[in-house]
Protein backbone atom coordinates (compact mmCIF):
# COMPACT_ATOMS: atom_id res chain seq x y z
CA UNK A 1 -22.97 -15.73 -31.11
CA UNK A 2 -19.89 -16.84 -29.22
CA UNK A 3 -21.68 -17.53 -25.96
CA UNK A 4 -25.10 -17.72 -24.37
CA UNK A 5 -23.66 -17.98 -20.87
CA UNK A 6 -20.37 -17.39 -19.07
CA UNK A 7 -18.21 -20.16 -17.63
CA UNK A 8 -19.25 -19.33 -14.07
CA UNK A 9 -22.97 -19.00 -14.64
CA UNK A 10 -24.57 -22.42 -15.18
CA UNK A 11 -26.27 -24.24 -12.30
CA UNK A 12 -28.49 -27.28 -11.73
CA UNK A 13 -31.56 -25.36 -12.95
CA UNK A 14 -29.93 -25.18 -16.40
CA UNK A 15 -29.85 -28.98 -16.80
CA UNK A 16 -31.34 -29.96 -20.18
CA UNK A 17 -30.54 -26.60 -21.81
CA UNK A 18 -28.47 -26.24 -24.97
CA UNK A 19 -25.80 -23.61 -24.35
CA UNK A 20 -22.82 -22.02 -26.05
CA UNK A 21 -19.70 -21.11 -24.06
CA UNK A 22 -16.38 -19.57 -25.03
CA UNK A 23 -13.15 -19.25 -23.12
CA UNK A 24 -9.68 -20.63 -22.45
CA UNK A 25 -8.74 -24.27 -21.83
CA UNK A 26 -7.63 -24.51 -18.20
CA UNK A 27 -6.75 -28.19 -18.48
CA UNK A 28 -7.66 -31.19 -20.62
CA UNK A 29 -7.74 -34.85 -19.59
CA UNK A 30 -8.13 -37.78 -22.00
CA UNK A 31 -9.55 -40.95 -20.40
CA UNK A 32 -10.04 -43.64 -23.02
CA UNK A 33 -12.96 -42.73 -25.25
CA UNK A 34 -13.84 -39.65 -23.22
CA UNK A 35 -12.10 -36.31 -22.72
CA UNK A 36 -12.75 -33.79 -19.96
CA UNK A 37 -11.87 -30.13 -20.43
CA UNK A 38 -12.08 -27.31 -17.88
CA UNK A 39 -13.14 -24.16 -19.74
CA UNK A 40 -12.29 -20.85 -18.05
CA UNK A 41 -13.21 -17.19 -18.37
CA UNK A 42 -13.10 -14.45 -15.75
CA UNK A 43 -16.44 -15.58 -14.33
CA UNK A 44 -15.43 -19.14 -13.47
CA UNK A 45 -14.78 -22.66 -14.82
CA UNK A 46 -17.16 -25.17 -16.40
CA UNK A 47 -16.32 -28.82 -17.07
CA UNK A 48 -16.86 -30.03 -20.64
CA UNK A 49 -17.32 -33.67 -21.65
CA UNK A 50 -16.36 -35.04 -25.09
CA UNK A 51 -17.80 -38.54 -25.56
CA UNK A 52 -16.46 -40.69 -28.41
CA UNK A 53 -19.60 -42.83 -28.40
CA UNK A 54 -21.87 -39.83 -28.98
CA UNK A 55 -19.83 -37.67 -31.35
CA UNK A 56 -16.59 -39.27 -32.51
CA UNK A 57 -15.49 -36.36 -34.70
CA UNK A 58 -15.82 -33.78 -31.93
CA UNK A 59 -14.18 -36.14 -29.41
CA UNK A 60 -11.21 -36.62 -31.76
CA UNK A 61 -10.99 -32.84 -32.27
CA UNK A 62 -10.92 -32.34 -28.48
CA UNK A 63 -7.78 -34.44 -28.18
CA UNK A 64 -5.89 -31.67 -29.99
CA UNK A 65 -6.66 -29.15 -27.25
CA UNK A 66 -3.86 -27.75 -25.11
CA UNK A 67 -3.68 -25.32 -22.21
CA UNK A 68 -4.83 -21.78 -23.03
CA UNK A 69 -6.40 -22.69 -26.40
CA UNK A 70 -9.32 -20.34 -27.04
CA UNK A 71 -12.40 -22.33 -27.97
CA UNK A 72 -16.15 -22.06 -28.40
CA UNK A 73 -18.48 -25.00 -27.73
CA UNK A 74 -22.15 -25.83 -27.94
CA UNK A 75 -23.70 -28.67 -25.99
CA UNK A 76 -26.26 -29.86 -23.45
CA UNK A 77 -26.06 -29.17 -19.73
CA UNK A 78 -26.30 -32.40 -17.72
CA UNK A 79 -26.00 -33.34 -14.06
CA UNK A 80 -22.41 -34.04 -13.10
CA UNK A 81 -21.80 -37.55 -11.84
CA UNK A 82 -18.93 -36.64 -9.51
CA UNK A 83 -19.93 -33.25 -8.16
CA UNK A 84 -17.29 -30.71 -7.11
CA UNK A 85 -18.37 -28.58 -4.16
CA UNK A 86 -15.33 -26.31 -4.59
CA UNK A 87 -16.61 -25.03 -7.95
CA UNK A 88 -19.66 -22.80 -8.33
CA UNK A 89 -20.55 -24.85 -11.42
CA UNK A 90 -19.64 -28.14 -9.75
CA UNK A 91 -23.13 -29.67 -9.98
CA UNK A 92 -23.20 -29.68 -13.80
CA UNK A 93 -21.13 -30.38 -16.88
CA UNK A 94 -21.70 -29.95 -20.61
CA UNK A 95 -21.75 -32.76 -23.15
CA UNK A 96 -20.25 -31.07 -26.21
CA UNK A 97 -21.63 -31.67 -29.69
CA UNK A 98 -19.87 -28.77 -31.45
CA UNK A 99 -16.32 -27.48 -30.93
CA UNK A 100 -14.65 -24.51 -32.64
CA UNK A 101 -10.98 -23.74 -32.00
CA UNK A 102 -10.85 -19.94 -32.14
CA UNK A 103 -7.12 -19.69 -31.47
CA UNK A 104 -4.33 -22.07 -30.55
CA UNK A 105 -1.81 -21.31 -27.83
CA UNK A 106 1.81 -22.12 -27.26
CA UNK A 107 2.59 -23.79 -23.94
CA UNK A 108 2.52 -20.88 -21.45
CA UNK A 109 5.77 -20.08 -19.59
CA UNK A 110 4.09 -20.75 -16.24
CA UNK A 111 0.90 -22.42 -15.04
CA UNK A 112 -2.24 -20.28 -15.06
CA UNK A 113 -3.30 -21.43 -11.60
CA UNK A 114 -4.05 -19.75 -8.27
CA UNK A 115 -0.67 -20.97 -7.02
CA UNK A 116 1.58 -20.66 -10.04
CA UNK A 117 5.11 -21.90 -10.62
CA UNK A 118 6.15 -18.59 -12.20
CA UNK A 119 8.52 -16.21 -10.41
CA UNK A 120 7.82 -12.48 -10.11
CA UNK A 121 9.94 -11.34 -13.06
CA UNK A 122 8.62 -14.07 -15.36
CA UNK A 123 5.01 -13.30 -14.48
CA UNK A 124 5.59 -9.57 -15.00
CA UNK A 125 7.13 -10.22 -18.41
CA UNK A 126 3.97 -12.09 -19.38
CA UNK A 127 1.62 -9.95 -17.32
CA UNK A 128 -1.27 -10.55 -19.75
CA UNK A 129 -1.04 -14.24 -18.84
CA UNK A 130 -0.61 -13.54 -15.13
CA UNK A 131 -3.80 -11.46 -15.24
CA UNK A 132 -5.73 -14.58 -16.28
CA UNK A 133 -5.14 -16.05 -12.82
CA UNK A 134 -8.07 -15.88 -10.40
CA UNK A 135 -6.26 -14.02 -7.55
CA UNK A 136 -5.38 -11.11 -9.83
CA UNK A 137 -8.82 -11.11 -11.44
CA UNK A 138 -10.37 -10.89 -7.98
CA UNK A 139 -8.00 -8.05 -7.06
CA UNK A 140 -8.95 -6.02 -10.13
CA UNK A 141 -12.64 -6.75 -9.51
CA UNK A 142 -12.15 -5.49 -5.95
CA UNK A 143 -10.40 -2.37 -7.28
CA UNK A 144 -13.31 -1.73 -9.64
CA UNK A 145 -15.88 -2.12 -6.85
CA UNK A 146 -13.96 0.14 -4.50
CA UNK A 147 -13.72 2.83 -7.16
CA UNK A 148 -17.49 2.74 -7.60
CA UNK A 149 -18.10 2.89 -3.83
CA UNK A 150 -15.72 5.83 -3.37
CA UNK A 151 -17.41 7.77 -6.16
CA UNK A 152 -20.88 6.88 -4.88
CA UNK A 153 -20.13 8.05 -1.34
CA UNK A 154 -18.48 11.31 -2.38
CA UNK A 155 -21.17 12.07 -4.97
CA UNK A 156 -23.82 11.63 -2.28
CA UNK A 157 -21.87 14.05 -0.07
CA UNK A 158 -21.94 16.76 -2.74
CA UNK A 159 -18.42 16.42 -4.15
CA UNK A 160 -17.56 17.17 -7.77
CA UNK A 161 -15.01 14.98 -9.55
CA UNK A 162 -12.79 17.43 -11.45
CA UNK A 163 -9.77 16.49 -13.55
CA UNK A 164 -6.50 18.36 -13.19
CA UNK A 165 -3.53 18.50 -15.61
CA UNK A 166 -0.83 15.85 -15.96
CA UNK A 167 1.68 18.21 -17.64
CA UNK A 168 2.56 20.73 -14.97
CA UNK A 169 5.44 22.81 -13.57
CA UNK A 170 8.31 21.10 -11.79
CA UNK A 171 8.52 21.76 -8.04
CA UNK A 172 11.76 20.25 -6.68
CA UNK A 173 10.54 20.32 -3.05
CA UNK A 174 9.61 16.74 -2.04
CA UNK A 175 10.20 13.60 -4.10
CA UNK A 176 11.92 13.77 -7.48
CA UNK A 177 9.73 14.75 -10.41
CA UNK A 178 9.39 12.83 -13.64
CA UNK A 179 10.10 15.48 -16.29
CA UNK A 180 8.77 15.69 -19.84
CA UNK A 181 10.55 17.74 -22.53
CA UNK A 182 8.44 20.16 -24.53
CA UNK A 183 8.91 20.18 -28.31
CA UNK A 184 6.94 23.41 -28.77
CA UNK A 185 8.84 25.22 -26.02
CA UNK A 186 12.45 24.43 -26.76
CA UNK A 187 14.71 23.54 -23.80
CA UNK A 188 11.82 23.68 -21.36
CA UNK A 189 10.16 20.86 -19.46
CA UNK A 190 6.88 19.81 -17.94
CA UNK A 191 6.73 17.64 -14.85
CA UNK A 192 4.26 14.87 -14.10
CA UNK A 193 2.32 15.68 -10.90
CA UNK A 194 3.39 14.14 -7.60
CA UNK A 195 -0.15 15.06 -6.55
CA UNK A 196 -2.74 17.64 -7.66
CA UNK A 197 -1.96 19.66 -4.52
CA UNK A 198 -1.80 23.21 -5.89
CA UNK A 199 -4.63 22.63 -8.36
CA UNK A 200 -7.05 21.44 -5.71
CA UNK A 201 -6.20 24.53 -3.65
CA UNK A 202 -6.92 26.66 -6.71
CA UNK A 203 -10.27 24.87 -7.08
CA UNK A 204 -11.12 25.90 -3.51
CA UNK A 205 -10.23 29.50 -4.37
CA UNK A 206 -12.43 29.14 -7.47
CA UNK A 207 -15.41 28.24 -5.26
CA UNK A 208 -15.70 24.47 -5.79
CA UNK A 209 -15.90 23.69 -2.10
CA UNK A 210 -16.01 19.88 -2.40
CA UNK A 211 -13.60 18.38 -4.92
CA UNK A 212 -12.33 14.85 -5.47
CA UNK A 213 -10.50 12.88 -8.09
CA UNK A 214 -9.31 9.29 -8.43
CA UNK A 215 -6.09 10.28 -10.11
CA UNK A 216 -2.68 9.04 -11.24
CA UNK A 217 0.33 10.53 -9.46
CA UNK A 218 4.01 10.16 -10.27
CA UNK A 219 7.09 10.15 -8.03
CA UNK A 220 10.62 9.23 -9.05
CA UNK A 221 11.65 7.53 -5.81
CA UNK A 222 13.06 4.19 -4.72
CA UNK A 223 10.44 1.46 -4.78
CA UNK A 224 9.19 -0.82 -2.03
CA UNK A 225 6.08 -2.90 -1.32
CA UNK A 226 3.73 0.08 -1.00
CA UNK A 227 5.33 2.30 -3.68
CA UNK A 228 5.21 2.40 -7.46
CA UNK A 229 6.54 5.20 -9.72
CA UNK A 230 2.95 5.79 -10.83
CA UNK A 231 0.18 5.22 -8.35
CA UNK A 232 -3.43 6.21 -7.78
CA UNK A 233 -4.78 8.60 -5.17
CA UNK A 234 -8.26 9.39 -3.95
CA UNK A 235 -7.57 13.11 -3.87
CA UNK A 236 -10.01 15.30 -1.93
CA UNK A 237 -10.35 18.90 -0.78
CA UNK A 238 -13.01 20.90 1.07
CA UNK A 239 -13.46 24.61 1.79
CA UNK A 240 -14.83 26.33 4.91
CA UNK A 241 -13.74 23.44 7.13
CA UNK A 242 -11.69 22.79 10.22
CA UNK A 243 -9.67 19.67 10.96
CA UNK A 244 -12.49 17.69 12.55
CA UNK A 245 -14.80 18.39 9.60
CA UNK A 246 -12.25 16.67 7.36
CA UNK A 247 -11.71 13.78 9.76
CA UNK A 248 -15.43 13.15 10.19
CA UNK A 249 -16.10 13.20 6.45
CA UNK A 250 -13.35 10.80 5.48
CA UNK A 251 -13.73 8.58 8.51
CA UNK A 252 -17.26 8.05 7.21
CA UNK A 253 -15.83 7.23 3.77
CA UNK A 254 -13.61 4.60 5.41
CA UNK A 255 -16.59 3.17 7.31
CA UNK A 256 -18.58 3.09 4.08
CA UNK A 257 -15.83 1.04 2.45
CA UNK A 258 -15.61 -1.31 5.43
CA UNK A 259 -19.36 -1.89 5.20
CA UNK A 260 -19.85 -2.05 1.43
CA UNK A 261 -16.71 -4.03 0.58
CA UNK A 262 -15.93 -6.10 3.69
CA UNK A 263 -19.45 -6.33 5.10
CA UNK A 264 -18.91 -5.15 8.66
CA UNK A 265 -19.78 -2.03 10.59
CA UNK A 266 -17.18 -0.12 12.58
CA UNK A 267 -18.84 1.28 15.70
CA UNK A 268 -17.69 4.49 17.32
CA UNK A 269 -15.06 7.00 16.28
CA UNK A 270 -11.59 6.14 15.06
CA UNK A 271 -9.05 6.76 17.86
CA UNK A 272 -6.69 9.74 17.55
CA UNK A 273 -3.04 9.46 18.53
CA UNK A 274 -0.48 12.25 18.64
CA UNK A 275 2.63 11.77 16.53
CA UNK A 276 4.79 12.04 19.64
CA UNK A 277 2.87 9.21 21.34
CA UNK A 278 3.16 7.03 18.23
CA UNK A 279 6.93 7.46 18.20
CA UNK A 280 7.36 6.89 21.94
CA UNK A 281 5.15 3.78 22.12
CA UNK A 282 5.54 2.22 18.66
CA UNK A 283 8.68 3.78 17.17
CA UNK A 284 7.03 4.99 13.97
CA UNK A 285 4.27 7.31 12.78
CA UNK A 286 2.11 4.50 11.33
CA UNK A 287 1.61 2.20 14.32
CA UNK A 288 0.02 -1.22 13.92
CA UNK A 289 -2.46 -1.22 16.82
CA UNK A 290 -3.87 -4.69 16.20
CA UNK A 291 -1.63 -5.82 19.06
CA UNK A 292 0.13 -4.33 22.07
CA UNK A 293 3.81 -4.97 22.82
CA UNK A 294 4.34 -1.24 23.43
CA UNK A 295 7.78 0.21 24.14
CA UNK A 296 8.93 0.56 27.73
CA UNK A 297 11.70 3.08 28.42
CA UNK A 298 14.03 1.69 31.11
CA UNK A 299 16.94 4.09 30.53
CA UNK A 300 16.94 5.48 34.07
CA UNK A 301 16.62 1.99 35.56
CA UNK A 302 19.76 0.64 33.86
CA UNK A 303 22.25 3.52 33.76
CA UNK A 304 25.27 3.43 36.05
CA UNK A 305 25.44 -0.31 36.58
CA UNK A 306 28.75 -0.94 34.81
CA UNK A 307 27.28 -2.38 31.61
CA UNK A 308 28.86 -0.10 29.02
CA UNK A 309 26.24 -0.82 26.32
CA UNK A 310 23.52 0.61 28.56
CA UNK A 311 25.65 3.23 30.32
CA UNK A 312 26.72 4.83 27.03
CA UNK A 313 23.27 4.71 25.46
CA UNK A 314 21.00 7.73 25.13
CA UNK A 315 17.98 5.44 25.23
CA UNK A 316 17.27 1.90 26.46
CA UNK A 317 13.86 0.33 25.89
CA UNK A 318 12.25 -3.02 25.47
CA UNK A 319 9.14 -4.97 24.54
CA UNK A 320 7.50 -8.01 26.08
CA UNK A 321 6.87 -10.99 23.78
CA UNK A 322 4.24 -13.12 25.46
CA UNK A 323 4.92 -16.81 25.94
CA UNK A 324 8.33 -16.88 24.26
CA UNK A 325 10.56 -17.60 27.27
CA UNK A 326 10.91 -21.08 25.74
CA UNK A 327 12.98 -19.64 22.87
CA UNK A 328 16.20 -21.59 22.37
CA UNK A 329 19.63 -19.98 22.14
CA UNK A 330 19.55 -20.68 18.41
CA UNK A 331 16.26 -18.81 18.03
CA UNK A 332 17.60 -15.91 20.10
CA UNK A 333 20.74 -15.77 17.95
CA UNK A 334 18.50 -15.45 14.88
CA UNK A 335 16.75 -12.50 16.53
CA UNK A 336 20.13 -10.88 17.21
CA UNK A 337 21.05 -11.36 13.54
CA UNK A 338 17.68 -9.85 12.58
CA UNK A 339 18.19 -6.60 14.51
CA UNK A 340 21.76 -6.31 13.19
CA UNK A 341 20.61 -6.21 9.55
CA UNK A 342 21.79 -2.97 7.87
CA UNK A 343 18.23 -1.84 7.19
CA UNK A 344 17.41 -2.15 10.91
CA UNK A 345 20.73 -0.98 12.32
CA UNK A 346 20.84 -2.17 15.93
CA UNK A 347 24.25 -3.19 17.31
CA UNK A 348 22.88 -6.01 19.43
CA UNK A 349 20.02 -7.31 21.53
CA UNK A 350 19.60 -8.01 25.24
CA UNK A 351 17.07 -10.64 26.25
CA UNK A 352 15.51 -11.63 29.57
CA UNK A 353 13.57 -14.86 29.99
CA UNK A 354 10.88 -14.74 32.68
CA UNK A 355 10.78 -18.43 33.58
CA UNK A 356 7.63 -20.21 34.68
CA UNK A 357 9.07 -20.66 38.19
CA UNK A 358 9.57 -16.91 38.59
CA UNK A 359 13.33 -16.95 38.03
CA UNK A 360 15.13 -14.96 35.36
CA UNK A 361 17.68 -15.89 32.73
CA UNK A 362 19.24 -13.14 30.65
CA UNK A 363 22.23 -12.23 28.51
CA UNK A 364 23.29 -9.64 31.14
CA UNK A 365 23.10 -11.72 34.35
CA UNK A 366 26.62 -10.69 35.36
CA UNK A 367 25.65 -7.00 35.40
CA UNK A 368 22.08 -7.06 36.72
CA UNK A 369 20.69 -9.23 39.52
CA UNK A 370 17.30 -10.92 39.71
CA UNK A 371 15.67 -8.01 41.57
CA UNK A 372 16.72 -5.55 38.88
CA UNK A 373 15.47 -7.85 36.12
CA UNK A 374 12.23 -8.32 38.06
CA UNK A 375 11.77 -4.53 38.08
CA UNK A 376 12.19 -4.48 34.29
CA UNK A 377 9.62 -7.27 33.94
CA UNK A 378 7.15 -5.37 36.11
CA UNK A 379 7.71 -2.19 34.06
CA UNK A 380 6.97 -4.14 30.86
CA UNK A 381 3.98 -6.00 32.28
CA UNK A 382 5.64 -9.41 31.86
CA UNK A 383 4.41 -12.60 33.45
CA UNK A 384 6.02 -16.04 33.81
CA UNK A 385 6.72 -17.52 30.38
CA UNK A 386 7.33 -14.18 28.67
CA UNK A 387 10.45 -12.88 26.95
CA UNK A 388 11.83 -9.35 27.27
CA UNK A 389 13.73 -7.96 24.27
CA UNK A 390 15.79 -4.81 24.88
CA UNK A 391 17.68 -2.46 22.55
CA UNK A 392 19.96 0.47 23.37
CA UNK A 393 21.62 3.37 21.55
CA UNK A 394 20.75 6.67 19.91
CA UNK A 395 17.10 7.33 20.76
CA UNK A 396 15.57 7.79 17.32
CA UNK A 397 17.59 5.01 15.70
CA UNK A 398 16.80 2.64 18.56
CA UNK A 399 13.10 3.44 18.41
CA UNK A 400 13.14 2.68 14.70
CA UNK A 401 14.96 -0.63 15.23
CA UNK A 402 12.67 -1.61 18.11
CA UNK A 403 9.69 -0.85 15.88
CA UNK A 404 10.94 -3.37 13.32
CA UNK A 405 11.56 -5.93 16.07
CA UNK A 406 8.06 -5.39 17.46
CA UNK A 407 6.52 -6.03 14.03
CA UNK A 408 8.65 -9.14 13.57
CA UNK A 409 7.52 -10.53 16.93
CA UNK A 410 3.90 -9.62 16.18
CA UNK A 411 4.16 -11.65 13.00
CA UNK A 412 5.79 -14.61 14.79
CA UNK A 413 3.08 -14.60 17.45
CA UNK A 414 0.28 -14.50 14.85
CA UNK A 415 -0.99 -11.13 16.07
CA UNK A 416 -1.36 -9.52 12.61
CA UNK A 417 -4.64 -11.01 11.38
CA UNK A 418 -5.34 -9.60 7.91
CA UNK A 419 -9.10 -9.91 8.51
CA UNK A 420 -8.89 -7.58 11.51
CA UNK A 421 -8.80 -3.82 10.89
CA UNK A 422 -7.51 -1.35 13.46
CA UNK A 423 -7.80 2.23 12.14
CA UNK A 424 -6.64 5.40 13.84
CA UNK A 425 -5.82 9.00 13.02
CA UNK A 426 -2.27 10.11 13.76
CA UNK A 427 -2.33 13.86 14.42
CA UNK A 428 -0.13 16.76 15.57
CA UNK A 429 2.88 16.06 13.38
CA UNK A 430 5.84 18.43 13.50
CA UNK A 431 5.42 21.12 10.85
CA UNK A 432 9.12 21.15 9.91
CA UNK A 433 12.07 18.79 10.18
CA UNK A 434 15.70 19.85 10.16
CA UNK A 435 17.98 18.38 7.50
CA UNK A 436 21.63 18.34 8.52
CA UNK A 437 22.85 17.74 4.98
CA UNK A 438 21.20 20.82 3.47
CA UNK A 439 21.38 22.85 6.67
CA UNK A 440 17.76 23.94 6.54
CA UNK A 441 14.21 22.98 7.42
CA UNK A 442 12.05 20.83 5.16
CA UNK A 443 8.28 20.54 5.31
CA UNK A 444 7.25 17.29 7.02
CA UNK A 445 4.24 17.10 4.69
CA UNK A 446 4.42 19.88 2.07
CA UNK A 447 4.94 23.65 2.02
CA UNK A 448 1.20 24.42 2.05
CA UNK A 449 0.44 22.72 5.37
CA UNK A 450 -0.86 25.11 8.01
CA UNK A 451 0.67 25.19 11.48
CA UNK A 452 -1.67 24.63 14.40
CA UNK A 453 -3.21 28.03 15.30
CA UNK A 454 -1.73 28.01 18.80
CA UNK A 455 1.80 27.63 17.35
CA UNK A 456 1.72 30.56 14.91
CA UNK A 457 3.84 32.79 17.17
CA UNK A 458 6.71 30.26 16.95
CA UNK A 459 7.32 31.06 13.28
CA UNK A 460 9.58 33.96 14.25
CA UNK A 461 11.14 32.46 17.39
CA UNK A 462 11.41 28.65 17.20
CA UNK A 463 9.90 27.21 14.00
CA UNK A 464 11.25 23.72 14.74
CA UNK A 465 8.80 23.38 17.64
CA UNK A 466 5.71 24.09 15.56
CA UNK A 467 3.10 21.38 15.09
CA UNK A 468 1.25 20.96 11.82
CA UNK A 469 -2.51 20.95 11.47
CA UNK A 470 -2.03 17.62 9.71
CA UNK A 471 -3.33 14.07 10.03
CA UNK A 472 -2.75 10.58 8.64
CA UNK A 473 -5.19 7.69 8.51
CA UNK A 474 -3.35 4.53 9.54
CA UNK A 475 -4.82 1.03 9.35
CA UNK A 476 -2.90 -2.06 10.46
CA UNK A 477 0.42 -0.27 10.29
CA UNK A 478 -0.20 1.09 6.79
CA UNK A 479 -0.47 4.80 6.07
CA UNK A 480 -3.63 4.73 3.98
CA UNK A 481 -3.64 8.47 3.45
CA UNK A 482 -2.99 11.85 4.93
CA UNK A 483 -3.66 15.52 4.62
CA UNK A 484 -3.83 18.82 6.39
CA UNK A 485 -5.57 22.12 6.80
CA UNK A 486 -3.88 24.38 4.24
CA UNK A 487 -2.40 27.82 4.52
CA UNK A 488 -4.87 30.20 2.85
CA UNK A 489 -3.24 33.54 3.76
CA UNK A 490 -0.50 34.91 1.48
CA UNK A 491 1.47 36.45 4.35
CA UNK A 492 1.48 33.19 6.31
CA UNK A 493 2.46 31.29 3.16
CA UNK A 494 5.35 33.73 2.66
CA UNK A 495 6.52 33.00 6.22
CA UNK A 496 6.40 29.29 5.49
CA UNK A 497 8.50 29.69 2.36
CA UNK A 498 11.00 31.78 4.34
CA UNK A 499 11.23 29.10 7.07
CA UNK A 500 11.93 26.54 4.35
CA UNK A 501 14.82 28.59 3.03
CA UNK A 502 13.14 29.91 -0.13
CA UNK A 503 14.18 33.35 -1.26
CA UNK A 504 11.36 35.65 -2.39
CA UNK A 505 12.51 35.12 -5.98
CA UNK A 506 12.51 31.31 -5.65
CA UNK A 507 9.07 31.30 -4.04
CA UNK A 508 7.74 33.58 -6.78
CA UNK A 509 9.27 31.47 -9.54
CA UNK A 510 7.87 28.17 -8.26
CA UNK A 511 4.59 29.18 -6.63
CA UNK A 512 3.83 32.71 -7.78
CA UNK A 513 0.57 31.60 -9.40
CA UNK A 514 -0.71 30.29 -6.05
CA UNK A 515 0.46 33.31 -4.08
CA UNK A 516 -1.24 35.53 -6.62
CA UNK A 517 -4.47 33.55 -6.28
CA UNK A 518 -4.42 34.11 -2.52
CA UNK A 519 -4.87 37.83 -3.22
CA UNK A 520 -8.40 37.24 -4.50
CA UNK A 521 -10.21 35.81 -1.50
CA UNK A 522 -8.99 32.34 -0.60
CA UNK A 523 -11.33 30.48 1.78
CA UNK A 524 -10.13 28.34 4.69
CA UNK A 525 -9.64 24.86 3.23
CA UNK A 526 -8.10 21.47 3.79
CA UNK A 527 -8.09 18.00 2.40
CA UNK A 528 -6.74 14.51 2.30
CA UNK A 529 -5.28 12.11 -0.23
CA UNK A 530 -5.68 8.35 0.16
CA UNK A 531 -3.54 5.75 -1.53
CA UNK A 532 -6.17 3.94 -3.59
CA UNK A 533 -3.75 1.09 -4.37
CA UNK A 534 -3.06 0.74 -0.64
CA UNK A 535 -6.77 0.57 0.17
CA UNK A 536 -7.25 -2.21 -2.38
CA UNK A 537 -4.15 -4.06 -1.19
CA UNK A 538 -5.33 -3.85 2.42
CA UNK A 539 -8.75 -5.29 1.60
CA UNK A 540 -7.28 -7.94 -0.72
CA UNK A 541 -4.88 -9.09 2.01
CA UNK A 542 -1.77 -8.44 -0.13
CA UNK A 543 1.58 -7.31 1.26
CA UNK A 544 2.39 -5.36 -1.92
CA UNK A 545 0.31 -2.93 -3.96
CA UNK A 546 1.77 -4.41 -7.15
CA UNK A 547 -0.85 -7.14 -7.51
CA UNK A 548 -3.67 -4.58 -7.29
CA UNK A 549 -2.37 -2.77 -10.40
CA UNK A 550 -2.98 -4.23 -13.86
CA UNK A 551 0.41 -3.33 -15.32
CA UNK A 552 2.89 -2.40 -12.55
CA UNK A 553 6.64 -1.77 -12.63
CA UNK A 554 9.22 -4.04 -11.03
CA UNK A 555 11.52 -3.04 -8.15
CA UNK A 556 13.86 -1.32 -10.61
CA UNK A 557 11.06 0.82 -11.99
CA UNK A 558 10.94 -1.15 -15.24
CA UNK A 559 8.04 -2.58 -17.18
CA UNK A 560 9.69 -5.81 -18.33
CA UNK A 561 6.67 -6.69 -20.47
CA UNK A 562 7.03 -3.75 -22.88
CA UNK A 563 10.72 -3.14 -22.01
CA UNK A 564 10.29 0.37 -20.66
CA UNK A 565 11.98 2.77 -20.06
CA UNK A 566 13.84 2.47 -23.35
CA UNK A 567 16.02 4.47 -25.71
CA UNK A 568 14.41 6.86 -28.15
CA UNK A 569 15.41 7.55 -31.72
CA UNK A 570 18.04 10.23 -32.48
CA UNK A 571 15.43 12.04 -34.57
CA UNK A 572 13.23 12.44 -31.50
CA UNK A 573 16.14 13.77 -29.47
CA UNK A 574 16.95 16.31 -32.18
CA UNK A 575 13.33 17.40 -32.35
CA UNK A 576 13.44 18.08 -28.61
CA UNK A 577 16.87 19.74 -28.73
CA UNK A 578 18.22 17.11 -26.36
CA UNK A 579 21.58 15.35 -26.27
CA UNK A 580 22.64 12.44 -24.10
CA UNK A 581 25.70 12.17 -21.89
CA UNK A 582 27.25 9.14 -20.26
CA UNK A 583 25.85 8.59 -16.75
CA UNK A 584 28.19 9.49 -13.90
CA UNK A 585 29.36 6.72 -11.61
């Protein structure tokens, strides 16, 4: 046998036992006639001792060992002379009397340590080495545990886990599809699912009133910290439910995960916040409510004072950064540069220092006197020592920029503790949003989202004012998941397609199977889909979902380890009746 114990298992009670361990050499140190080797597996590290005076042959053999050699040893567990309280096995060590080198290793391209010297691209190229590091092992262990807890909770609530197809029909509405050519059906294509949306609705029609699936989804979209081209959802649907039935069920799932994974109980109900309130107070639909610093609209207070930046602006608003009146001009200039970044898009920044003596110092002193600045400070709840930061311009663009500034200041002030969780439901989203480029409405969520019942009459008169019966779960500024009550009536679904600019023929071609199913008794139903990778990332304290996925893609959508995507052989192209053209500029 290769091992009687793992490298994280042995303790003081094992002293005197003969054991066999196998694993990778973390590090080796030769000190005169003795060598010390740290042996690692995914369970931990155990220190090995090779003593020349006790077994010269084995001690000589140990001097050949390098990092990441795979070895097996047999020896006696003894009490460690210099104990290491940072290691779970730090009270013991093993005096080795037999060593077998199972496989040698070249020097790895980066150190296999918690804090490695390898950059992102290098570690992704050698992902199988990166996965040996403890932080990633802990992340994948966490992912495993969370998967078990999700399944346990939903099983106990009567849900069935049902698989749905990966090769489906392309539906251009929404993100871009990944398409798959069909050899058996020449010149036709499958698409990989962006979500199992239509299938879970069909399962409700089929009578499976509680469905879930931990499932891969695929979207061909630009990547960022919380996006990968393939990602994992906790996909759920229920029949004969209203909105609050869904919210209660999956709020309890969230509480179960808080308790079982993080060990704390969340008392009371998650707050609910309307989309409109989120935008007005936080500037985005996934507000981080771990801290305040809410927006204060001072547009009416500043118009008509001769300061053209404010006078010409549709919207002027600010936030109060506590205790930062001591910021130097250099620090303020850096903030101005921050808001002017292209991805943020503000044209400038106005600041007001509320000094400890009650006086004011601002970048607009020549336009606004102390009394006017005092009124702004009172509106924003500022006290001596605080700093007011004000942006102006187009309302929606300014809200977005101020949102980014708020998050930046929250980070600088240490208000974004990763061990604090502040969940809420964002509700009452607009059903539709107008797209100037295409000249038509698009679904804010997807075409199967039901409007709120009280807004149904607006379909024929003012569809842009309709609110969706939709909801997102937001935790610490991260959209963990979202869903809606679905349309289950074929006539209402036809109205939705019409509002979205689908002709009857287009709707029939893309979604005829679903419309046909509605003819046979579709129950009221709704659901939610959570980003499983985002859940794991949140609990692991990572800023990116990438380190919660065993083999992720880089920011260009490439797997640099296996060099994918890649070219395929001409024979394969011929078999699929495909030809390649040069990409357009």
